[in-house]
C-alpha atoms as a PDB file:
ATOM      1  CA  MET A   1      -3.452  -6.795  27.342  1.00  0.00           C
ATOM      2  CA  GLU A   2      -3.146 -10.442  26.411  1.00  0.00           C
ATOM      3  CA  THR A   3      -0.209 -11.639  24.372  1.00  0.00           C
ATOM      4  CA  SER A   4       0.615 -15.001  22.891  1.00  0.00           C
ATOM      5  CA  SER A   5       4.073 -16.506  23.224  1.00  0.00           C
ATOM      6  CA  GLN A   6       4.848 -15.592  19.609  1.00  0.00           C
ATOM      7  CA  ASP A   7       3.934 -11.944  20.254  1.00  0.00           C
ATOM      8  CA  THR A   8       6.607 -11.537  22.918  1.00  0.00           C
ATOM      9  CA  HIS A   9       9.582 -12.691  20.841  1.00  0.00           C
ATOM     10  CA  PRO A  10      11.930  -9.667  21.002  1.00  0.00           C
ATOM     11  CA  SER A  11      13.105  -9.858  17.409  1.00  0.00           C
ATOM     12  CA  ARG A  12       9.524  -9.689  16.125  1.00  0.00           C
ATOM     13  CA  ARG A  13       7.893  -7.121  18.431  1.00  0.00           C
ATOM     14  CA  ARG A  14       8.680  -3.543  17.529  1.00  0.00           C
ATOM     15  CA  TYR A  15       7.548  -0.207  18.863  1.00  0.00           C
ATOM     16  CA  ARG A  16       6.833   3.256  17.468  1.00  0.00           C
ATOM     17  CA  ILE A  17       6.547   6.230  19.778  1.00  0.00           C
ATOM     18  CA  TRP A  18       5.565   9.661  18.459  1.00  0.00           C
ATOM     19  CA  VAL A  19       6.625  12.635  20.593  1.00  0.00           C
ATOM     20  CA  VAL A  20       5.864  16.331  20.333  1.00  0.00           C
ATOM     21  CA  GLY A  21       9.009  18.282  19.467  1.00  0.00           C
ATOM     22  CA  ARG A  22      12.351  17.208  18.079  1.00  0.00           C
ATOM     23  CA  LEU A  23      14.697  14.900  19.937  1.00  0.00           C
ATOM     24  CA  GLU A  24      18.421  14.599  19.311  1.00  0.00           C
ATOM     25  CA  GLN A  25      19.950  11.304  18.161  1.00  0.00           C
ATOM     26  CA  ARG A  26      21.813  10.940  21.459  1.00  0.00           C
ATOM     27  CA  PHE A  27      18.458  10.328  23.158  1.00  0.00           C
ATOM     28  CA  VAL A  28      18.272   6.836  21.621  1.00  0.00           C
ATOM     29  CA  ASP A  29      21.997   6.051  21.665  1.00  0.00           C
ATOM     30  CA  GLY A  30      22.601   2.909  23.681  1.00  0.00           C
ATOM     31  CA  LEU A  31      19.059   1.574  23.264  1.00  0.00           C
ATOM     32  CA  GLY A  32      20.078  -1.075  20.736  1.00  0.00           C
ATOM     33  CA  ASP A  33      17.939  -1.544  17.624  1.00  0.00           C
ATOM     34  CA  VAL A  34      16.160   1.810  18.001  1.00  0.00           C
ATOM     35  CA  SER A  35      16.096   4.676  15.504  1.00  0.00           C
ATOM     36  CA  LEU A  36      14.964   8.267  15.678  1.00  0.00           C
ATOM     37  CA  ASP A  37      13.291   9.997  12.732  1.00  0.00           C
ATOM     38  CA  ASP A  38      11.506  13.275  12.139  1.00  0.00           C
ATOM     39  CA  GLY A  39       7.721  13.071  11.918  1.00  0.00           C
ATOM     40  CA  GLU A  40       5.203  15.714  10.913  1.00  0.00           C
ATOM     41  CA  GLU A  41       4.838  17.244  14.372  1.00  0.00           C
ATOM     42  CA  GLY A  42       7.865  15.892  16.195  1.00  0.00           C
ATOM     43  CA  SER A  43      10.136  12.875  16.447  1.00  0.00           C
ATOM     44  CA  VAL A  44       9.368   9.197  15.974  1.00  0.00           C
ATOM     45  CA  ILE A  45      11.260   6.603  18.005  1.00  0.00           C
ATOM     46  CA  GLU A  46      11.102   3.175  16.394  1.00  0.00           C
ATOM     47  CA  GLY A  47      12.727  -0.159  17.011  1.00  0.00           C
ATOM     48  CA  ALA A  48      12.856  -3.468  18.780  1.00  0.00           C
ATOM     49  CA  LEU A  49      12.959  -3.416  22.549  1.00  0.00           C
ATOM     50  CA  VAL A  50      13.788  -6.486  24.607  1.00  0.00           C
ATOM     51  CA  ASP A  51      10.521  -6.578  26.538  1.00  0.00           C
ATOM     52  CA  GLN A  52       7.717  -4.475  27.942  1.00  0.00           C
ATOM     53  CA  SER A  53       9.842  -3.361  30.886  1.00  0.00           C
ATOM     54  CA  GLN A  54      12.343  -1.739  28.506  1.00  0.00           C
ATOM     55  CA  PHE A  55       9.420  -0.130  26.662  1.00  0.00           C
ATOM     56  CA  ARG A  56       8.021   1.142  29.969  1.00  0.00           C
ATOM     57  CA  GLY A  57      11.468   2.423  30.946  1.00  0.00           C
ATOM     58  CA  LEU A  58      11.646   4.435  27.744  1.00  0.00           C
ATOM     59  CA  LEU A  59       8.157   5.871  28.331  1.00  0.00           C
ATOM     60  CA  ASP A  60       9.126   6.745  31.921  1.00  0.00           C
ATOM     61  CA  ARG A  61      12.272   8.475  30.681  1.00  0.00           C
ATOM     62  CA  LEU A  62      10.215  10.588  28.280  1.00  0.00           C
ATOM     63  CA  TRP A  63       7.732  11.453  31.036  1.00  0.00           C
ATOM     64  CA  GLN A  64      10.497  12.430  33.495  1.00  0.00           C
ATOM     65  CA  LEU A  65      11.983  14.766  30.903  1.00  0.00           C
ATOM     66  CA  GLY A  66       8.586  16.368  30.261  1.00  0.00           C
ATOM     67  CA  ILE A  67       8.460  15.127  26.667  1.00  0.00           C
ATOM     68  CA  GLU A  68       4.887  14.682  25.494  1.00  0.00           C
ATOM     69  CA  VAL A  69       4.059  11.349  23.891  1.00  0.00           C
ATOM     70  CA  SER A  70       1.316  11.872  21.332  1.00  0.00           C
ATOM     71  CA  LYS A  71       0.900   8.240  20.279  1.00  0.00           C
ATOM     72  CA  PHE A  72       2.544   4.844  20.451  1.00  0.00           C
ATOM     73  CA  GLU A  73       2.023   1.464  18.864  1.00  0.00           C
ATOM     74  CA  THR A  74       3.483  -1.996  18.891  1.00  0.00           C
ATOM     75  CA  TYR A  75       3.618  -4.263  15.895  1.00  0.00           C
ATOM     76  CA  LEU A  76       5.020  -7.595  14.816  1.00  0.00           C
ATOM     77  CA  THR A  77       7.707  -7.414  12.142  1.00  0.00           C
ATOM     78  CA  ASP A  78       6.413 -10.364  10.156  1.00  0.00           C
ATOM     79  CA  GLN A  79       2.986  -8.733   9.859  1.00  0.00           C
ATOM     80  CA  GLY A  80       3.958  -5.045   9.749  1.00  0.00           C
ATOM     81  CA  GLN A  81       0.607  -4.194  11.311  1.00  0.00           C
ATOM     82  CA  PRO A  82       0.017  -2.653  14.734  1.00  0.00           C
ATOM     83  CA  ALA A  83      -0.621  -5.163  17.515  1.00  0.00           C
ATOM     84  CA  ALA A  84      -1.962  -2.398  19.776  1.00  0.00           C
ATOM     85  CA  GLU A  85      -2.182   1.360  19.519  1.00  0.00           C
ATOM     86  CA  THR A  86      -2.760   4.135  22.012  1.00  0.00           C
ATOM     87  CA  ASN A  87      -3.434   7.792  21.266  1.00  0.00           C
ATOM     88  CA  GLY A  88      -2.866  10.476  23.895  1.00  0.00           C
ATOM     89  CA  ALA A  89      -0.446   8.228  25.773  1.00  0.00           C
ATOM     90  CA  ASN A  90       1.059  10.904  28.029  1.00  0.00           C
ATOM     91  CA  ARG A  91      -1.576  10.815  30.732  1.00  0.00           C
ATOM     92  CA  ARG A  92      -0.465  11.898  34.179  1.00  0.00           C
END
């Protein structure tokens, strides 16, 4: 995936990750500007992550715990629109 230098600014790139099932708030404690909300079929993790390696670390943590990711997206805060979206993200 190609990104421009403005796309990688940490205060502007945000992430949403939908998971199947409900997570507890302590799951996102210590992740900085990240919140946890209830979605229709599970929990939604949303917030700014420093870079793609932190995003990948969070996805790896979910995978290691056997938590199914149903969808994720990234978006820029000044646009509020998804920059990229993936459905069925928990492929092993």
